All heavy atoms as atom14 arrays in JSON, in Angstrom:
{
  "sequence": "KERGVLKDKPVYRVVFHEITKRAIQEAIEHPRELSMDLVNAQQA",
  "atom14_mask": [
    [1, 1, 1, 1, 1, 1, 1, 1, 1, 0, 0, 0, 0, 0],
    [1, 1, 1, 1, 1, 1, 1, 1, 1, 0, 0, 0, 0, 0],
    [1, 1, 1, 1, 1, 1, 1, 1, 1, 1, 1, 0, 0, 0],
    [1, 1, 1, 1, 0, 0, 0, 0, 0, 0, 0, 0, 0, 0],
    [1, 1, 1, 1, 1, 1, 1, 0, 0, 0, 0, 0, 0, 0],
    [1, 1, 1, 1, 1, 1, 1, 1, 0, 0, 0, 0, 0, 0],
    [1, 1, 1, 1, 1, 1, 1, 1, 1, 0, 0, 0, 0, 0],
    [1, 1, 1, 1, 1, 1, 1, 1, 0, 0, 0, 0, 0, 0],
    [1, 1, 1, 1, 1, 1, 1, 1, 1, 0, 0, 0, 0, 0],
    [1, 1, 1, 1, 1, 1, 1, 0, 0, 0, 0, 0, 0, 0],
    [1, 1, 1, 1, 1, 1, 1, 0, 0, 0, 0, 0, 0, 0],
    [1, 1, 1, 1, 1, 1, 1, 1, 1, 1, 1, 1, 0, 0],
    [1, 1, 1, 1, 1, 1, 1, 1, 1, 1, 1, 0, 0, 0],
    [1, 1, 1, 1, 1, 1, 1, 0, 0, 0, 0, 0, 0, 0],
    [1, 1, 1, 1, 1, 1, 1, 0, 0, 0, 0, 0, 0, 0],
    [1, 1, 1, 1, 1, 1, 1, 1, 1, 1, 1, 0, 0, 0],
    [1, 1, 1, 1, 1, 1, 1, 1, 1, 1, 0, 0, 0, 0],
    [1, 1, 1, 1, 1, 1, 1, 1, 1, 0, 0, 0, 0, 0],
    [1, 1, 1, 1, 1, 1, 1, 1, 0, 0, 0, 0, 0, 0],
    [1, 1, 1, 1, 1, 1, 1, 0, 0, 0, 0, 0, 0, 0],
    [1, 1, 1, 1, 1, 1, 1, 1, 1, 0, 0, 0, 0, 0],
    [1, 1, 1, 1, 1, 1, 1, 1, 1, 1, 1, 0, 0, 0],
    [1, 1, 1, 1, 1, 0, 0, 0, 0, 0, 0, 0, 0, 0],
    [1, 1, 1, 1, 1, 1, 1, 1, 0, 0, 0, 0, 0, 0],
    [1, 1, 1, 1, 1, 1, 1, 1, 1, 0, 0, 0, 0, 0],
    [1, 1, 1, 1, 1, 1, 1, 1, 1, 0, 0, 0, 0, 0],
    [1, 1, 1, 1, 1, 0, 0, 0, 0, 0, 0, 0, 0, 0],
    [1, 1, 1, 1, 1, 1, 1, 1, 0, 0, 0, 0, 0, 0],
    [1, 1, 1, 1, 1, 1, 1, 1, 1, 0, 0, 0, 0, 0],
    [1, 1, 1, 1, 1, 1, 1, 1, 1, 1, 0, 0, 0, 0],
    [1, 1, 1, 1, 1, 1, 1, 0, 0, 0, 0, 0, 0, 0],
    [1, 1, 1, 1, 1, 1, 1, 1, 1, 1, 1, 0, 0, 0],
    [1, 1, 1, 1, 1, 1, 1, 1, 1, 0, 0, 0, 0, 0],
    [1, 1, 1, 1, 1, 1, 1, 1, 0, 0, 0, 0, 0, 0],
    [1, 1, 1, 1, 1, 1, 0, 0, 0, 0, 0, 0, 0, 0],
    [1, 1, 1, 1, 1, 1, 1, 1, 0, 0, 0, 0, 0, 0],
    [1, 1, 1, 1, 1, 1, 1, 1, 0, 0, 0, 0, 0, 0],
    [1, 1, 1, 1, 1, 1, 1, 1, 0, 0, 0, 0, 0, 0],
    [1, 1, 1, 1, 1, 1, 1, 0, 0, 0, 0, 0, 0, 0],
    [1, 1, 1, 1, 1, 1, 1, 1, 0, 0, 0, 0, 0, 0],
    [1, 1, 1, 1, 1, 0, 0, 0, 0, 0, 0, 0, 0, 0],
    [1, 1, 1, 1, 1, 1, 1, 1, 1, 0, 0, 0, 0, 0],
    [1, 1, 1, 1, 1, 1, 1, 1, 1, 0, 0, 0, 0, 0],
    [1, 1, 1, 1, 1, 0, 0, 0, 0, 0, 0, 0, 0, 0]
  ],
  "atom14_positions": [
    [[-3.24, -3.5, 13.24], [-4.68, -3.5, 13.52], [-4.95, -4.21, 14.85], [-5.72, -3.73, 15.68], [-5.43, -4.21, 12.37], [-6.94, -4.02, 12.41], [-7.59, -4.48, 11.12], [-7.57, -5.99, 11.01], [-8.35, -6.51, 9.87], [0.0, 0.0, 0.0], [0.0, 0.0, 0.0], [0.0, 0.0, 0.0], [0.0, 0.0, 0.0], [0.0, 0.0, 0.0]],
    [[-4.28, -5.37, 15.05], [-4.43, -6.12, 16.31], [-3.98, -5.3, 17.52], [-4.53, -5.41, 18.61], [-3.61, -7.41, 16.25], [-4.24, -8.51, 15.43], [-3.27, -9.66, 15.16], [-2.25, -9.76, 15.88], [-3.5, -10.44, 14.21], [0.0, 0.0, 0.0], [0.0, 0.0, 0.0], [0.0, 0.0, 0.0], [0.0, 0.0, 0.0], [0.0, 0.0, 0.0]],
    [[-2.96, -4.46, 17.32], [-2.43, -3.66, 18.43], [-3.21, -2.37, 18.65], [-2.87, -1.56, 19.53], [-0.95, -3.35, 18.21], [-0.1, -4.62, 18.2], [1.38, -4.3, 18.2], [2.18, -5.53, 18.1], [3.5, -5.58, 18.18], [4.18, -4.46, 18.39], [4.14, -6.71, 18.07], [0.0, 0.0, 0.0], [0.0, 0.0, 0.0], [0.0, 0.0, 0.0]],
    [[-4.21, -2.15, 17.79], [-5.11, -1.01, 17.98], [-4.51, 0.35, 17.68], [-4.97, 1.37, 18.22], [0.0, 0.0, 0.0], [0.0, 0.0, 0.0], [0.0, 0.0, 0.0], [0.0, 0.0, 0.0], [0.0, 0.0, 0.0], [0.0, 0.0, 0.0], [0.0, 0.0, 0.0], [0.0, 0.0, 0.0], [0.0, 0.0, 0.0], [0.0, 0.0, 0.0]],
    [[-3.5, 0.4, 16.81], [-2.87, 1.71, 16.52], [-3.34, 2.29, 15.18], [-2.86, 3.36, 14.77], [-1.32, 1.58, 16.54], [-0.83, 1.25, 17.92], [-0.82, 0.58, 15.52], [0.0, 0.0, 0.0], [0.0, 0.0, 0.0], [0.0, 0.0, 0.0], [0.0, 0.0, 0.0], [0.0, 0.0, 0.0], [0.0, 0.0, 0.0], [0.0, 0.0, 0.0]],
    [[-4.28, 1.61, 14.51], [-4.76, 2.1, 13.21], [-6.16, 2.72, 13.29], [-6.73, 3.08, 12.26], [-4.8, 0.94, 12.19], [-3.45, 0.38, 11.72], [-3.67, -0.75, 10.73], [-2.58, 1.46, 11.1], [0.0, 0.0, 0.0], [0.0, 0.0, 0.0], [0.0, 0.0, 0.0], [0.0, 0.0, 0.0], [0.0, 0.0, 0.0], [0.0, 0.0, 0.0]],
    [[-6.71, 2.82, 14.47], [-8.09, 3.27, 14.66], [-8.37, 4.58, 13.91], [-7.71, 5.59, 14.15], [-8.38, 3.46, 16.14], [-9.71, 2.85, 16.56], [-9.86, 2.89, 18.05], [-11.13, 2.14, 18.43], [-11.33, 2.11, 19.87], [0.0, 0.0, 0.0], [0.0, 0.0, 0.0], [0.0, 0.0, 0.0], [0.0, 0.0, 0.0], [0.0, 0.0, 0.0]],
    [[-9.33, 4.53, 12.99], [-9.79, 5.72, 12.23], [-8.67, 6.41, 11.45], [-8.79, 7.58, 11.08], [-10.45, 6.74, 13.17], [-11.63, 6.14, 13.93], [-12.35, 5.33, 13.32], [-11.8, 6.47, 15.12], [0.0, 0.0, 0.0], [0.0, 0.0, 0.0], [0.0, 0.0, 0.0], [0.0, 0.0, 0.0], [0.0, 0.0, 0.0], [0.0, 0.0, 0.0]],
    [[-7.57, 5.69, 11.2], [-6.48, 6.28, 10.4], [-6.46, 5.63, 9.02], [-6.58, 4.41, 8.91], [-5.13, 6.06, 11.11], [-5.02, 6.8, 12.44], [-3.7, 6.48, 13.13], [-3.63, 7.2, 14.47], [-2.38, 6.89, 15.21], [0.0, 0.0, 0.0], [0.0, 0.0, 0.0], [0.0, 0.0, 0.0], [0.0, 0.0, 0.0], [0.0, 0.0, 0.0]],
    [[-6.3, 6.45, 7.98], [-6.29, 5.86, 6.63], [-5.03, 5.03, 6.38], [-3.94, 5.37, 6.85], [-6.32, 7.08, 5.7], [-5.79, 8.21, 6.53], [-6.15, 7.91, 7.95], [0.0, 0.0, 0.0], [0.0, 0.0, 0.0], [0.0, 0.0, 0.0], [0.0, 0.0, 0.0], [0.0, 0.0, 0.0], [0.0, 0.0, 0.0], [0.0, 0.0, 0.0]],
    [[-5.2, 3.92, 5.64], [-4.08, 3.04, 5.27], [-4.02, 2.97, 3.75], [-5.01, 2.64, 3.09], [-4.25, 1.63, 5.86], [-3.11, 0.72, 5.4], [-4.3, 1.67, 7.38], [0.0, 0.0, 0.0], [0.0, 0.0, 0.0], [0.0, 0.0, 0.0], [0.0, 0.0, 0.0], [0.0, 0.0, 0.0], [0.0, 0.0, 0.0], [0.0, 0.0, 0.0]],
    [[-2.87, 3.31, 3.17], [-2.71, 3.33, 1.72], [-1.63, 2.32, 1.29], [-0.64, 2.12, 1.99], [-2.28, 4.72, 1.23], [-3.21, 5.84, 1.66], [-2.8, 6.77, 2.61], [-4.48, 5.96, 1.1], [-3.64, 7.81, 2.99], [-5.34, 6.99, 1.49], [-4.91, 7.9, 2.44], [-5.75, 8.91, 2.82], [0.0, 0.0, 0.0], [0.0, 0.0, 0.0]],
    [[-1.84, 1.72, 0.16], [-0.8, 0.86, -0.45], [-0.25, 1.61, -1.64], [-1.0, 2.02, -2.54], [-1.42, -0.47, -0.89], [-0.48, -1.37, -1.69], [0.56, -2.05, -0.81], [1.31, -3.07, -1.55], [2.61, -2.98, -1.83], [3.31, -1.93, -1.45], [3.21, -3.96, -2.48], [0.0, 0.0, 0.0], [0.0, 0.0, 0.0], [0.0, 0.0, 0.0]],
    [[1.07, 1.87, -1.64], [1.7, 2.59, -2.75], [2.71, 1.66, -3.45], [3.44, 0.93, -2.78], [2.38, 3.9, -2.29], [1.34, 4.9, -1.83], [3.4, 3.66, -1.2], [0.0, 0.0, 0.0], [0.0, 0.0, 0.0], [0.0, 0.0, 0.0], [0.0, 0.0, 0.0], [0.0, 0.0, 0.0], [0.0, 0.0, 0.0], [0.0, 0.0, 0.0]],
    [[2.71, 1.73, -4.76], [3.54, 0.8, -5.55], [4.37, 1.59, -6.56], [3.85, 2.48, -7.24], [2.64, -0.22, -6.29], [3.47, -1.08, -7.22], [1.9, -1.09, -5.3], [0.0, 0.0, 0.0], [0.0, 0.0, 0.0], [0.0, 0.0, 0.0], [0.0, 0.0, 0.0], [0.0, 0.0, 0.0], [0.0, 0.0, 0.0], [0.0, 0.0, 0.0]],
    [[5.64, 1.26, -6.66], [6.52, 1.86, -7.67], [7.52, 0.81, -8.11], [7.83, -0.12, -7.36], [7.25, 3.1, -7.11], [7.73, 2.93, -5.71], [8.94, 2.3, -5.43], [6.97, 3.37, -4.63], [9.37, 2.11, -4.13], [7.41, 3.19, -3.32], [8.61, 2.56, -3.07], [0.0, 0.0, 0.0], [0.0, 0.0, 0.0], [0.0, 0.0, 0.0]],
    [[8.02, 0.96, -9.34], [8.96, -0.02, -9.89], [10.38, 0.54, -10.03], [11.27, -0.13, -10.53], [8.46, -0.53, -11.25], [7.19, -1.31, -11.14], [5.96, -0.71, -11.21], [6.97, -2.62, -10.9], [5.02, -1.63, -11.04], [5.61, -2.78, -10.86], [0.0, 0.0, 0.0], [0.0, 0.0, 0.0], [0.0, 0.0, 0.0], [0.0, 0.0, 0.0]],
    [[10.55, 1.78, -9.58], [11.88, 2.37, -9.53], [11.88, 3.4, -8.4], [10.83, 3.98, -8.08], [12.28, 3.01, -10.85], [11.34, 4.11, -11.32], [11.74, 4.69, -12.67], [11.54, 4.03, -13.69], [12.26, 5.83, -12.67], [0.0, 0.0, 0.0], [0.0, 0.0, 0.0], [0.0, 0.0, 0.0], [0.0, 0.0, 0.0], [0.0, 0.0, 0.0]],
    [[13.04, 3.6, -7.79], [13.11, 4.55, -6.67], [13.71, 5.85, -7.19], [14.91, 6.11, -7.09], [13.9, 3.95, -5.49], [13.23, 2.64, -5.05], [13.94, 4.92, -4.31], [13.94, 1.89, -3.94], [0.0, 0.0, 0.0], [0.0, 0.0, 0.0], [0.0, 0.0, 0.0], [0.0, 0.0, 0.0], [0.0, 0.0, 0.0], [0.0, 0.0, 0.0]],
    [[12.83, 6.63, -7.85], [13.19, 7.95, -8.37], [12.18, 8.94, -7.82], [11.08, 8.56, -7.39], [13.16, 7.97, -9.91], [11.83, 7.61, -10.34], [14.16, 7.01, -10.51], [0.0, 0.0, 0.0], [0.0, 0.0, 0.0], [0.0, 0.0, 0.0], [0.0, 0.0, 0.0], [0.0, 0.0, 0.0], [0.0, 0.0, 0.0], [0.0, 0.0, 0.0]],
    [[12.54, 10.22, -7.86], [11.65, 11.26, -7.31], [10.28, 11.21, -7.97], [9.24, 11.23, -7.3], [12.3, 12.63, -7.51], [11.54, 13.77, -6.86], [12.29, 15.08, -7.0], [11.52, 16.2, -6.3], [12.24, 17.49, -6.39], [0.0, 0.0, 0.0], [0.0, 0.0, 0.0], [0.0, 0.0, 0.0], [0.0, 0.0, 0.0], [0.0, 0.0, 0.0]],
    [[10.28, 11.12, -9.31], [9.01, 11.11, -10.05], [8.17, 9.91, -9.66], [6.97, 10.03, -9.38], [9.3, 11.1, -11.56], [8.06, 11.1, -12.44], [8.42, 10.78, -13.88], [9.1, 9.5, -14.01], [8.47, 8.32, -13.97], [7.17, 8.25, -13.77], [9.18, 7.2, -14.1], [0.0, 0.0, 0.0], [0.0, 0.0, 0.0], [0.0, 0.0, 0.0]],
    [[8.8, 8.72, -9.63], [8.04, 7.49, -9.35], [7.48, 7.49, -7.93], [6.33, 7.09, -7.7], [8.95, 6.28, -9.55], [0.0, 0.0, 0.0], [0.0, 0.0, 0.0], [0.0, 0.0, 0.0], [0.0, 0.0, 0.0], [0.0, 0.0, 0.0], [0.0, 0.0, 0.0], [0.0, 0.0, 0.0], [0.0, 0.0, 0.0], [0.0, 0.0, 0.0]],
    [[8.27, 7.96, -6.95], [7.83, 7.96, -5.55], [6.68, 8.94, -5.36], [5.65, 8.6, -4.76], [9.01, 8.32, -4.59], [10.17, 7.32, -4.74], [8.54, 8.4, -3.15], [9.83, 5.88, -4.47], [0.0, 0.0, 0.0], [0.0, 0.0, 0.0], [0.0, 0.0, 0.0], [0.0, 0.0, 0.0], [0.0, 0.0, 0.0], [0.0, 0.0, 0.0]],
    [[6.86, 10.14, -5.87], [5.81, 11.15, -5.68], [4.52, 10.77, -6.39], [3.42, 10.98, -5.87], [6.32, 12.52, -6.14], [7.42, 13.05, -5.2], [7.98, 14.39, -5.64], [7.7, 14.88, -6.73], [8.8, 14.99, -4.78], [0.0, 0.0, 0.0], [0.0, 0.0, 0.0], [0.0, 0.0, 0.0], [0.0, 0.0, 0.0], [0.0, 0.0, 0.0]],
    [[4.65, 10.17, -7.57], [3.47, 9.71, -8.31], [2.75, 8.6, -7.54], [1.52, 8.56, -7.48], [3.93, 9.19, -9.68], [2.83, 9.23, -10.74], [3.39, 8.9, -12.12], [4.03, 9.78, -12.74], [3.19, 7.74, -12.55], [0.0, 0.0, 0.0], [0.0, 0.0, 0.0], [0.0, 0.0, 0.0], [0.0, 0.0, 0.0], [0.0, 0.0, 0.0]],
    [[3.51, 7.69, -6.93], [2.91, 6.58, -6.17], [2.17, 7.11, -4.94], [1.06, 6.66, -4.62], [4.01, 5.61, -5.74], [0.0, 0.0, 0.0], [0.0, 0.0, 0.0], [0.0, 0.0, 0.0], [0.0, 0.0, 0.0], [0.0, 0.0, 0.0], [0.0, 0.0, 0.0], [0.0, 0.0, 0.0], [0.0, 0.0, 0.0], [0.0, 0.0, 0.0]],
    [[2.76, 8.1, -4.25], [2.11, 8.68, -3.06], [0.82, 9.41, -3.45], [-0.17, 9.37, -2.72], [3.09, 9.64, -2.33], [4.3, 8.87, -1.76], [2.39, 10.44, -1.24], [4.02, 8.0, -0.56], [0.0, 0.0, 0.0], [0.0, 0.0, 0.0], [0.0, 0.0, 0.0], [0.0, 0.0, 0.0], [0.0, 0.0, 0.0], [0.0, 0.0, 0.0]],
    [[0.85, 10.06, -4.62], [-0.34, 10.8, -5.08], [-1.45, 9.87, -5.56], [-2.62, 10.25, -5.59], [0.06, 11.75, -6.22], [0.82, 12.98, -5.74], [1.49, 13.72, -6.9], [1.07, 13.5, -8.07], [2.43, 14.51, -6.65], [0.0, 0.0, 0.0], [0.0, 0.0, 0.0], [0.0, 0.0, 0.0], [0.0, 0.0, 0.0], [0.0, 0.0, 0.0]],
    [[-1.1, 8.64, -5.99], [-2.1, 7.7, -6.51], [-2.04, 6.37, -5.76], [-1.69, 5.33, -6.34], [-1.89, 7.47, -8.01], [-1.97, 8.72, -8.82], [-0.84, 9.44, -9.16], [-3.03, 9.4, -9.33], [-1.21, 10.51, -9.86], [-2.53, 10.5, -9.97], [0.0, 0.0, 0.0], [0.0, 0.0, 0.0], [0.0, 0.0, 0.0], [0.0, 0.0, 0.0]],
    [[-2.38, 6.38, -4.47], [-2.33, 5.12, -3.71], [-3.5, 4.22, -4.07], [-4.45, 4.64, -4.72], [-2.43, 5.59, -2.25], [-3.21, 6.86, -2.32], [-2.87, 7.49, -3.64], [0.0, 0.0, 0.0], [0.0, 0.0, 0.0], [0.0, 0.0, 0.0], [0.0, 0.0, 0.0], [0.0, 0.0, 0.0], [0.0, 0.0, 0.0], [0.0, 0.0, 0.0]],
    [[-3.42, 2.95, -3.65], [-4.54, 2.02, -3.82], [-4.75, 1.27, -2.52], [-4.03, 1.5, -1.54], [-4.26, 1.04, -4.97], [-3.03, 0.15, -4.79], [-3.05, -0.98, -5.79], [-1.84, -1.78, -5.84], [-1.54, -2.77, -5.0], [-2.34, -3.05, -3.97], [-0.43, -3.47, -5.16], [0.0, 0.0, 0.0], [0.0, 0.0, 0.0], [0.0, 0.0, 0.0]],
    [[-5.71, 0.36, -2.52], [-5.92, -0.47, -1.34], [-5.03, -1.71, -1.43], [-4.53, -2.05, -2.51], [-7.39, -0.89, -1.25], [-8.33, 0.26, -0.96], [-9.78, -0.21, -0.85], [-10.05, -1.4, -1.11], [-10.63, 0.62, -0.5], [0.0, 0.0, 0.0], [0.0, 0.0, 0.0], [0.0, 0.0, 0.0], [0.0, 0.0, 0.0], [0.0, 0.0, 0.0]],
    [[-4.87, -2.39, -0.32], [-4.16, -3.67, -0.35], [-4.89, -4.63, -1.27], [-6.13, -4.71, -1.25], [-4.1, -4.28, 1.06], [-2.96, -3.82, 1.97], [-3.24, -4.22, 3.41], [-1.63, -4.41, 1.52], [0.0, 0.0, 0.0], [0.0, 0.0, 0.0], [0.0, 0.0, 0.0], [0.0, 0.0, 0.0], [0.0, 0.0, 0.0], [0.0, 0.0, 0.0]],
    [[-4.13, -5.36, -2.08], [-4.74, -6.35, -3.0], [-4.82, -7.7, -2.3], [-3.8, -8.39, -2.15], [-3.9, -6.47, -4.28], [-4.3, -7.61, -5.01], [0.0, 0.0, 0.0], [0.0, 0.0, 0.0], [0.0, 0.0, 0.0], [0.0, 0.0, 0.0], [0.0, 0.0, 0.0], [0.0, 0.0, 0.0], [0.0, 0.0, 0.0], [0.0, 0.0, 0.0]],
    [[-6.02, -8.09, -1.89], [-6.17, -9.39, -1.23], [-5.95, -10.54, -2.21], [-5.61, -11.64, -1.8], [-7.55, -9.49, -0.57], [-7.66, -8.66, 0.71], [-6.26, -8.82, 1.86], [-6.39, -10.55, 2.31], [0.0, 0.0, 0.0], [0.0, 0.0, 0.0], [0.0, 0.0, 0.0], [0.0, 0.0, 0.0], [0.0, 0.0, 0.0], [0.0, 0.0, 0.0]],
    [[-6.1, -10.27, -3.5], [-5.82, -11.32, -4.49], [-4.33, -11.68, -4.45], [-3.97, -12.86, -4.43], [-6.2, -10.84, -5.9], [-7.7, -10.7, -6.08], [-8.44, -11.44, -5.41], [-8.13, -9.85, -6.87], [0.0, 0.0, 0.0], [0.0, 0.0, 0.0], [0.0, 0.0, 0.0], [0.0, 0.0, 0.0], [0.0, 0.0, 0.0], [0.0, 0.0, 0.0]],
    [[-3.45, -10.64, -4.42], [-2.01, -10.9, -4.34], [-1.64, -11.54, -3.01], [-0.82, -12.46, -2.95], [-1.23, -9.59, -4.51], [-1.14, -9.01, -5.92], [-0.47, -7.64, -5.9], [-0.37, -9.93, -6.86], [0.0, 0.0, 0.0], [0.0, 0.0, 0.0], [0.0, 0.0, 0.0], [0.0, 0.0, 0.0], [0.0, 0.0, 0.0], [0.0, 0.0, 0.0]],
    [[-2.27, -11.06, -1.93], [-2.0, -11.62, -0.59], [-2.41, -13.09, -0.54], [-1.66, -13.94, -0.05], [-2.75, -10.81, 0.5], [-2.66, -11.51, 1.85], [-2.19, -9.4, 0.59], [0.0, 0.0, 0.0], [0.0, 0.0, 0.0], [0.0, 0.0, 0.0], [0.0, 0.0, 0.0], [0.0, 0.0, 0.0], [0.0, 0.0, 0.0], [0.0, 0.0, 0.0]],
    [[-3.59, -13.4, -1.07], [-4.07, -14.79, -1.03], [-3.22, -15.7, -1.91], [-3.03, -16.87, -1.57], [-5.54, -14.85, -1.46], [-6.46, -14.26, -0.41], [-6.09, -14.18, 0.76], [-7.64, -13.82, -0.81], [0.0, 0.0, 0.0], [0.0, 0.0, 0.0], [0.0, 0.0, 0.0], [0.0, 0.0, 0.0], [0.0, 0.0, 0.0], [0.0, 0.0, 0.0]],
    [[-2.71, -15.17, -3.02], [-1.81, -15.96, -3.87], [-0.54, -16.31, -3.09], [-0.04, -17.43, -3.16], [-1.45, -15.19, -5.14], [0.0, 0.0, 0.0], [0.0, 0.0, 0.0], [0.0, 0.0, 0.0], [0.0, 0.0, 0.0], [0.0, 0.0, 0.0], [0.0, 0.0, 0.0], [0.0, 0.0, 0.0], [0.0, 0.0, 0.0], [0.0, 0.0, 0.0]],
    [[-0.04, -15.33, -2.3], [1.15, -15.58, -1.5], [0.85, -16.55, -0.36], [1.65, -17.44, -0.05], [1.69, -14.25, -0.95], [2.94, -14.38, -0.12], [4.09, -15.03, -0.86], [4.16, -14.98, -2.08], [4.98, -15.69, -0.13], [0.0, 0.0, 0.0], [0.0, 0.0, 0.0], [0.0, 0.0, 0.0], [0.0, 0.0, 0.0], [0.0, 0.0, 0.0]],
    [[-0.34, -16.4, 0.26], [-0.73, -17.32, 1.34], [-0.87, -18.74, 0.81], [-0.46, -19.71, 1.45], [-2.05, -16.87, 1.97], [-1.93, -15.65, 2.85], [-3.08, -15.56, 3.85], [-2.92, -15.89, 5.02], [-4.24, -15.14, 3.39], [0.0, 0.0, 0.0], [0.0, 0.0, 0.0], [0.0, 0.0, 0.0], [0.0, 0.0, 0.0], [0.0, 0.0, 0.0]],
    [[-1.46, -18.86, -0.38], [-1.63, -20.19, -0.99], [-0.28, -20.82, -1.27], [-0.05, -22.01, -0.99], [-2.45, -20.07, -2.28], [0.0, 0.0, 0.0], [0.0, 0.0, 0.0], [0.0, 0.0, 0.0], [0.0, 0.0, 0.0], [0.0, 0.0, 0.0], [0.0, 0.0, 0.0], [0.0, 0.0, 0.0], [0.0, 0.0, 0.0], [0.0, 0.0, 0.0]]
  ]
}
């Protein structure tokens, strides 16, 4: 964001608990936003 390369481009957070075809494709199809709660817990 600071380097200005995300302008008007969508950003998705994808999560999976195993690296299999089904899990990866399902994660890409159902992305979410970054969780600031998890980020803040890590920052704390």
